[in-house]
Amino acid sequence: MRFMIIDDDMAVCTMLQDIIEDYKLGEVEEIADTAVALDNNFLQIKKIDILIIDMLMPVRDGIQTVKDIKDGFDGKIIMLSQVENKEMVGDAYAFGVDYYITKPINRNEIIGVIRAVSEHACLKSFVDNIRTSLHTVYDPDTDESKKLKDKSFSVIEHGSAVMKDLGIDSGSGSHEILLLLQCLQEKMVDTAKAFPSLKSIFALLVKEKNGKDAQKEIKAAEQRMRRTVFQAMVNIASLGIVDCTNPKFDDYASRYFEMAEIYTLMRKMENEEKPQIVQTHVNSKKFLRTLYIECSK
């Protein structure tokens, strides 16, 4: 990821640059103490993926800058500020800010936010690449190609919407779930028949690898997916504690997960126990199968 940092306090800029470089989060391409001259042309030339900008600066503040560049900037924006006014924070998000961080800067928060934003950017790039590939592979002049392309778009877009609903639309695990959906769609898996094992599906994604590396990648991918599904379970269980009559809870809890496990998580959280993945049966195959069926309709 390529970063640009704008803050009138150069100590903050230096601190952010050190964090980004020390934790290998990307490359800082540009640092500035003012946003006066910033425009989309400059961001495109520098190929900036993530802009980190202070809210309150002289002459041209962060919110005005975001308003001016957002329509032409495809990257992500993280805003910094000492201001905690809810209305101003709301304005920042309304004008296109992806994350808002309150000063003084916390190193762990910065690392977590940058990683989340980077994963969102990678997911967007992945979906864009799928669109481009489909456009290249399928002949737009044939009706059959149009149907295949539309169907593939639907799988990715529907899958993204469901994962956003479940609060798991970021992270490498979510990225791989979309890859799996696309893979299943391309192989035209018949949901009326026996659903393939996760190991065989992951094997298709790493078929260009061989030997120990392939096996290691398959196992790591399965673990990432398991953690992602577990997080979805925790999110749904949390919703059930607040309101078990909520339509979202009613819709997702039993169809995507093992209901007994959801209730177990709810009881633990009500008793102020921290949910543990090692103590939870995570049925990743059921989750993926249900998601694929829903997205293929």
Protein backbone atom coordinates (compact mmCIF):
# COMPACT_ATOMS: atom_id res chain seq x y z
CA MET A 1 0.00 0.00 0.00
CA ARG A 2 1.18 3.53 -0.83
CA PHE A 3 0.45 6.21 1.77
CA MET A 4 0.28 9.99 1.89
CA ILE A 5 0.21 11.72 5.28
CA ILE A 6 -1.02 15.31 5.76
CA ASP A 7 -0.85 16.93 9.20
CA ASP A 8 0.34 20.38 10.26
CA ASP A 9 2.10 18.72 13.20
CA MET A 10 5.19 17.12 11.63
CA ALA A 11 5.81 15.11 14.80
CA VAL A 12 2.55 13.27 14.08
CA CYS A 13 3.61 12.69 10.46
CA THR A 14 6.93 11.26 11.57
CA MET A 15 5.28 9.01 14.14
CA LEU A 16 2.84 7.65 11.55
CA GLN A 17 5.61 7.08 9.04
CA ASP A 18 7.63 5.15 11.62
CA ILE A 19 4.63 2.94 12.49
CA ILE A 20 3.87 2.21 8.84
CA GLU A 21 7.48 1.35 8.02
CA ASP A 22 8.34 -0.48 11.25
CA TYR A 23 5.32 -2.78 10.94
CA LYS A 24 5.72 -3.16 7.15
CA LEU A 25 2.22 -1.81 6.46
CA GLY A 26 3.26 -0.13 3.22
CA GLU A 27 5.33 2.72 1.85
CA VAL A 28 4.95 6.41 2.73
CA GLU A 29 5.22 8.18 -0.63
CA GLU A 30 4.51 11.73 0.53
CA ILE A 31 4.32 13.81 3.73
CA ALA A 32 2.88 17.33 3.84
CA ASP A 33 1.97 19.88 6.51
CA THR A 34 -0.83 21.41 4.42
CA ALA A 35 -3.55 20.20 2.06
CA VAL A 36 -3.78 23.47 0.13
CA ALA A 37 -2.32 22.13 -3.12
CA LEU A 38 -3.68 18.58 -2.91
CA ASP A 39 -5.82 17.40 -5.83
CA ASN A 40 -6.79 14.16 -7.55
CA ASN A 41 -4.15 14.58 -10.21
CA PHE A 42 -1.39 14.58 -7.59
CA LEU A 43 -2.86 11.49 -5.86
CA GLN A 44 -3.04 9.64 -9.18
CA ILE A 45 0.53 10.52 -10.15
CA LYS A 46 1.79 9.29 -6.79
CA LYS A 47 -0.54 6.24 -6.98
CA ILE A 48 -1.72 6.80 -3.41
CA ASP A 49 -3.80 3.96 -1.96
CA ILE A 50 -4.43 5.40 1.51
CA LEU A 51 -4.58 9.06 2.50
CA ILE A 52 -4.13 9.90 6.19
CA ILE A 53 -5.23 13.49 6.84
CA ASP A 54 -5.76 15.73 9.86
CA MET A 55 -9.20 17.28 10.26
CA LEU A 56 -8.27 20.73 11.54
CA MET A 57 -5.61 22.54 9.53
CA PRO A 58 -5.18 26.18 8.52
CA VAL A 59 -6.49 27.49 5.15
CA ARG A 60 -7.94 24.19 3.94
CA ASP A 61 -9.08 21.69 6.54
CA GLY A 62 -9.37 17.92 6.22
CA ILE A 63 -13.13 17.76 5.64
CA GLN A 64 -13.04 20.35 2.86
CA THR A 65 -10.14 18.49 1.26
CA VAL A 66 -12.03 15.19 1.38
CA LYS A 67 -15.08 16.85 -0.19
CA ASP A 68 -12.92 18.18 -3.01
CA ILE A 69 -11.10 14.95 -3.86
CA LYS A 70 -13.49 12.13 -2.96
CA ASP A 71 -15.32 11.90 -6.28
CA GLY A 72 -12.07 11.33 -8.15
CA PHE A 73 -10.07 9.40 -5.54
CA ASP A 74 -10.54 5.61 -5.45
CA GLY A 75 -8.32 5.08 -2.42
CA LYS A 76 -9.14 4.96 1.28
CA ILE A 77 -9.14 7.93 3.67
CA ILE A 78 -8.24 7.89 7.37
CA MET A 79 -8.95 11.12 9.26
CA LEU A 80 -7.17 12.22 12.44
CA SER A 81 -8.44 14.79 14.93
CA GLN A 82 -8.49 15.86 18.56
CA VAL A 83 -12.14 16.79 18.06
CA GLU A 84 -14.69 14.31 19.43
CA ASN A 85 -17.79 16.28 18.45
CA LYS A 86 -20.31 13.72 17.14
CA GLU A 87 -21.68 16.07 14.50
CA MET A 88 -18.24 16.75 13.05
CA VAL A 89 -17.35 13.06 13.11
CA GLY A 90 -20.64 12.33 11.34
CA ASP A 91 -19.81 14.95 8.69
CA ALA A 92 -16.42 13.33 8.12
CA TYR A 93 -17.99 9.94 7.43
CA ALA A 94 -20.74 11.50 5.31
CA PHE A 95 -18.18 13.16 3.04
CA GLY A 96 -16.31 9.92 2.39
CA VAL A 97 -13.89 9.23 5.26
CA ASP A 98 -13.41 5.50 5.80
CA TYR A 99 -12.03 5.65 9.35
CA TYR A 100 -11.83 8.35 12.02
CA ILE A 101 -9.13 8.23 14.70
CA THR A 102 -9.08 10.52 17.72
CA LYS A 103 -5.77 12.01 18.86
CA PRO A 104 -3.54 11.45 20.76
CA ILE A 105 -2.50 8.61 18.48
CA ASN A 106 -2.46 5.10 19.86
CA ARG A 107 0.03 2.85 18.10
CA ASN A 108 -2.10 -0.31 18.33
CA GLU A 109 -5.19 1.49 17.07
CA ILE A 110 -3.28 2.93 14.11
CA ILE A 111 -1.90 -0.51 13.19
CA GLY A 112 -5.35 -2.12 13.47
CA VAL A 113 -7.08 0.57 11.42
CA ILE A 114 -4.45 0.59 8.67
CA ARG A 115 -4.61 -3.19 8.37
CA ALA A 116 -8.41 -3.09 8.16
CA VAL A 117 -8.34 -0.32 5.55
CA SER A 118 -5.69 -2.16 3.53
CA GLU A 119 -7.78 -5.32 3.53
CA HIS A 120 -10.81 -3.35 2.35
CA ALA A 121 -8.72 -1.90 -0.46
CA CYS A 122 -7.45 -5.37 -1.44
CA LEU A 123 -11.01 -6.72 -1.47
CA LYS A 124 -12.15 -3.87 -3.70
CA SER A 125 -9.23 -4.53 -6.03
CA PHE A 126 -10.13 -8.23 -6.08
CA VAL A 127 -13.74 -7.53 -7.06
CA ASP A 128 -12.61 -5.04 -9.71
CA ASN A 129 -10.23 -7.62 -11.14
CA ILE A 130 -13.03 -10.16 -11.35
CA ARG A 131 -15.15 -7.66 -13.24
CA THR A 132 -12.28 -6.96 -15.64
CA SER A 133 -11.57 -10.66 -16.14
CA LEU A 134 -15.20 -11.42 -16.86
CA HIS A 135 -15.34 -8.58 -19.34
CA THR A 136 -12.24 -9.95 -21.08
CA VAL A 137 -13.20 -13.64 -21.07
CA TYR A 138 -16.84 -13.39 -22.08
CA ASP A 139 -17.94 -12.13 -25.45
CA PRO A 140 -20.39 -9.31 -24.67
CA ASP A 141 -22.15 -9.88 -27.99
CA THR A 142 -23.56 -13.27 -26.99
CA ASP A 143 -26.58 -13.73 -24.73
CA GLU A 144 -25.00 -16.72 -22.97
CA SER A 145 -21.88 -14.76 -22.08
CA LYS A 146 -24.01 -11.94 -20.70
CA LYS A 147 -25.88 -14.41 -18.48
CA LEU A 148 -22.64 -15.90 -17.16
CA LYS A 149 -21.15 -12.48 -16.48
CA ASP A 150 -24.26 -11.20 -14.72
CA LYS A 151 -24.43 -14.35 -12.62
CA SER A 152 -20.79 -14.04 -11.55
CA PHE A 153 -21.31 -10.38 -10.62
CA SER A 154 -24.33 -11.44 -8.57
CA VAL A 155 -22.37 -14.04 -6.59
CA ILE A 156 -19.62 -11.61 -5.61
CA GLU A 157 -21.92 -8.67 -4.89
CA HIS A 158 -24.45 -10.74 -2.97
CA GLY A 159 -21.69 -12.43 -0.98
CA SER A 160 -20.16 -9.06 -0.11
CA ALA A 161 -23.56 -7.75 1.02
CA VAL A 162 -24.20 -10.76 3.28
CA MET A 163 -20.77 -10.52 4.88
CA LYS A 164 -21.25 -6.81 5.46
CA ASP A 165 -24.56 -7.64 7.13
CA LEU A 166 -22.74 -10.10 9.39
CA GLY A 167 -19.98 -7.60 10.18
CA ILE A 168 -17.21 -9.62 8.50
CA ASP A 169 -16.73 -7.70 5.27
CA SER A 170 -13.03 -7.02 5.95
CA GLY A 171 -10.05 -9.25 6.46
CA SER A 172 -8.22 -11.91 4.47
CA GLY A 173 -10.76 -14.55 5.48
CA SER A 174 -13.58 -12.56 3.89
CA HIS A 175 -11.49 -12.05 0.78
CA GLU A 176 -11.01 -15.81 0.49
CA ILE A 177 -14.70 -16.54 1.01
CA LEU A 178 -15.45 -14.42 -2.05
CA LEU A 179 -12.74 -16.30 -3.94
CA LEU A 180 -14.41 -19.56 -2.95
CA LEU A 181 -17.81 -18.35 -4.12
CA GLN A 182 -16.32 -17.36 -7.45
CA CYS A 183 -14.55 -20.71 -7.73
CA LEU A 184 -17.76 -22.63 -7.00
CA GLN A 185 -19.63 -20.50 -9.54
CA GLU A 186 -17.03 -21.14 -12.22
CA LYS A 187 -17.14 -24.89 -11.55
CA MET A 188 -20.96 -24.70 -11.64
CA VAL A 189 -21.30 -26.70 -8.42
CA ASP A 190 -24.79 -28.20 -8.13
CA THR A 191 -26.12 -27.42 -4.65
CA ALA A 192 -28.72 -30.17 -4.98
CA LYS A 193 -25.90 -32.75 -4.86
CA ALA A 194 -23.29 -33.39 -2.19
CA PHE A 195 -21.37 -30.20 -1.46
CA PRO A 196 -17.60 -30.63 -1.94
CA SER A 197 -15.26 -30.60 1.04
CA LEU A 198 -13.61 -27.34 1.99
CA LYS A 199 -10.22 -28.93 1.46
CA SER A 200 -11.05 -29.82 -2.14
CA ILE A 201 -12.40 -26.31 -2.79
CA PHE A 202 -9.32 -24.64 -1.32
CA ALA A 203 -7.16 -27.02 -3.35
CA LEU A 204 -8.66 -25.56 -6.53
CA LEU A 205 -7.56 -22.09 -5.43
CA VAL A 206 -3.96 -23.12 -4.86
CA LYS A 207 -3.68 -25.61 -7.72
CA GLU A 208 -0.80 -23.63 -9.21
CA LYS A 209 1.22 -24.56 -6.12
CA ASN A 210 2.53 -28.01 -5.31
CA GLY A 211 4.05 -30.12 -2.55
CA LYS A 212 4.30 -28.81 1.00
CA ASP A 213 3.61 -25.19 0.08
CA ALA A 214 0.18 -26.04 -1.31
CA GLN A 215 -0.81 -28.07 1.74
CA LYS A 216 0.39 -25.33 4.06
CA GLU A 217 -1.59 -22.70 2.17
CA ILE A 218 -4.76 -24.84 2.18
CA LYS A 219 -4.53 -25.32 5.95
CA ALA A 220 -3.84 -21.61 6.56
CA ALA A 221 -6.78 -20.62 4.34
CA GLU A 222 -9.11 -22.99 6.20
CA GLN A 223 -8.02 -21.48 9.51
CA ARG A 224 -8.58 -17.93 8.27
CA MET A 225 -12.06 -18.86 7.08
CA ARG A 226 -12.83 -20.54 10.42
CA ARG A 227 -11.83 -17.39 12.31
CA THR A 228 -13.99 -15.27 10.00
CA VAL A 229 -17.04 -17.51 10.45
CA PHE A 230 -16.46 -17.52 14.21
CA GLN A 231 -16.47 -13.72 14.24
CA ALA A 232 -19.78 -13.77 12.34
CA MET A 233 -21.18 -16.12 14.99
CA VAL A 234 -20.07 -13.77 17.77
CA ASN A 235 -21.65 -10.79 15.98
CA ILE A 236 -24.97 -12.61 15.51
CA ALA A 237 -24.94 -13.86 19.10
CA SER A 238 -24.37 -10.27 20.28
CA LEU A 239 -27.35 -9.17 18.22
CA GLY A 240 -29.45 -11.96 19.73
CA ILE A 241 -28.63 -10.78 23.25
CA VAL A 242 -29.84 -7.30 22.42
CA ASP A 243 -32.97 -8.43 20.55
CA CYS A 244 -33.59 -12.07 19.65
CA THR A 245 -36.68 -10.99 17.67
CA ASN A 246 -34.55 -8.91 15.32
CA PRO A 247 -35.22 -10.09 11.72
CA LYS A 248 -31.48 -10.25 11.00
CA PHE A 249 -30.91 -12.58 13.96
CA ASP A 250 -33.88 -14.71 12.97
CA ASP A 251 -32.73 -14.86 9.35
CA TYR A 252 -29.04 -15.67 9.83
CA ALA A 253 -28.72 -17.55 13.13
CA SER A 254 -30.25 -20.90 12.20
CA ARG A 255 -29.57 -20.95 8.45
CA TYR A 256 -25.88 -20.05 8.47
CA PHE A 257 -24.78 -21.46 11.84
CA GLU A 258 -25.40 -24.21 14.37
CA MET A 259 -28.14 -22.73 16.55
CA ALA A 260 -26.94 -24.54 19.68
CA GLU A 261 -23.54 -22.89 19.31
CA ILE A 262 -25.12 -19.46 18.89
CA TYR A 263 -27.09 -19.93 22.11
CA THR A 264 -23.94 -21.10 23.89
CA LEU A 265 -22.12 -17.96 22.79
CA MET A 266 -25.05 -15.83 23.93
CA ARG A 267 -24.99 -17.40 27.40
CA LYS A 268 -21.25 -16.87 27.72
CA MET A 269 -21.46 -13.22 26.71
CA GLU A 270 -24.37 -12.64 29.07
CA ASN A 271 -22.15 -14.04 31.83
CA GLU A 272 -19.41 -11.63 30.67
CA GLU A 273 -17.22 -14.49 29.45
CA LYS A 274 -15.06 -13.87 26.40
CA PRO A 275 -16.05 -16.17 23.50
CA GLN A 276 -13.23 -18.55 22.58
CA ILE A 277 -12.91 -20.11 19.15
CA VAL A 278 -11.23 -23.19 20.63
CA GLN A 279 -14.37 -23.85 22.70
CA THR A 280 -16.77 -23.35 19.78
CA HIS A 281 -17.85 -25.71 17.03
CA VAL A 282 -17.49 -23.64 13.87
CA ASN A 283 -19.23 -25.27 10.91
CA SER A 284 -17.46 -23.43 8.09
CA LYS A 285 -18.84 -25.80 5.47
CA LYS A 286 -22.46 -25.07 6.44
CA PHE A 287 -21.76 -21.35 6.33
CA LEU A 288 -20.15 -21.49 2.88
CA ARG A 289 -22.78 -23.85 1.45
CA THR A 290 -25.65 -21.63 2.66
CA LEU A 291 -23.90 -18.51 1.41
CA TYR A 292 -23.28 -20.07 -2.00
CA ILE A 293 -26.90 -21.26 -2.32
CA GLU A 294 -28.19 -17.82 -1.36
CA CYS A 295 -25.84 -16.03 -3.74
CA SER A 296 -26.62 -18.36 -6.63
CA LYS A 297 -30.36 -17.72 -6.60
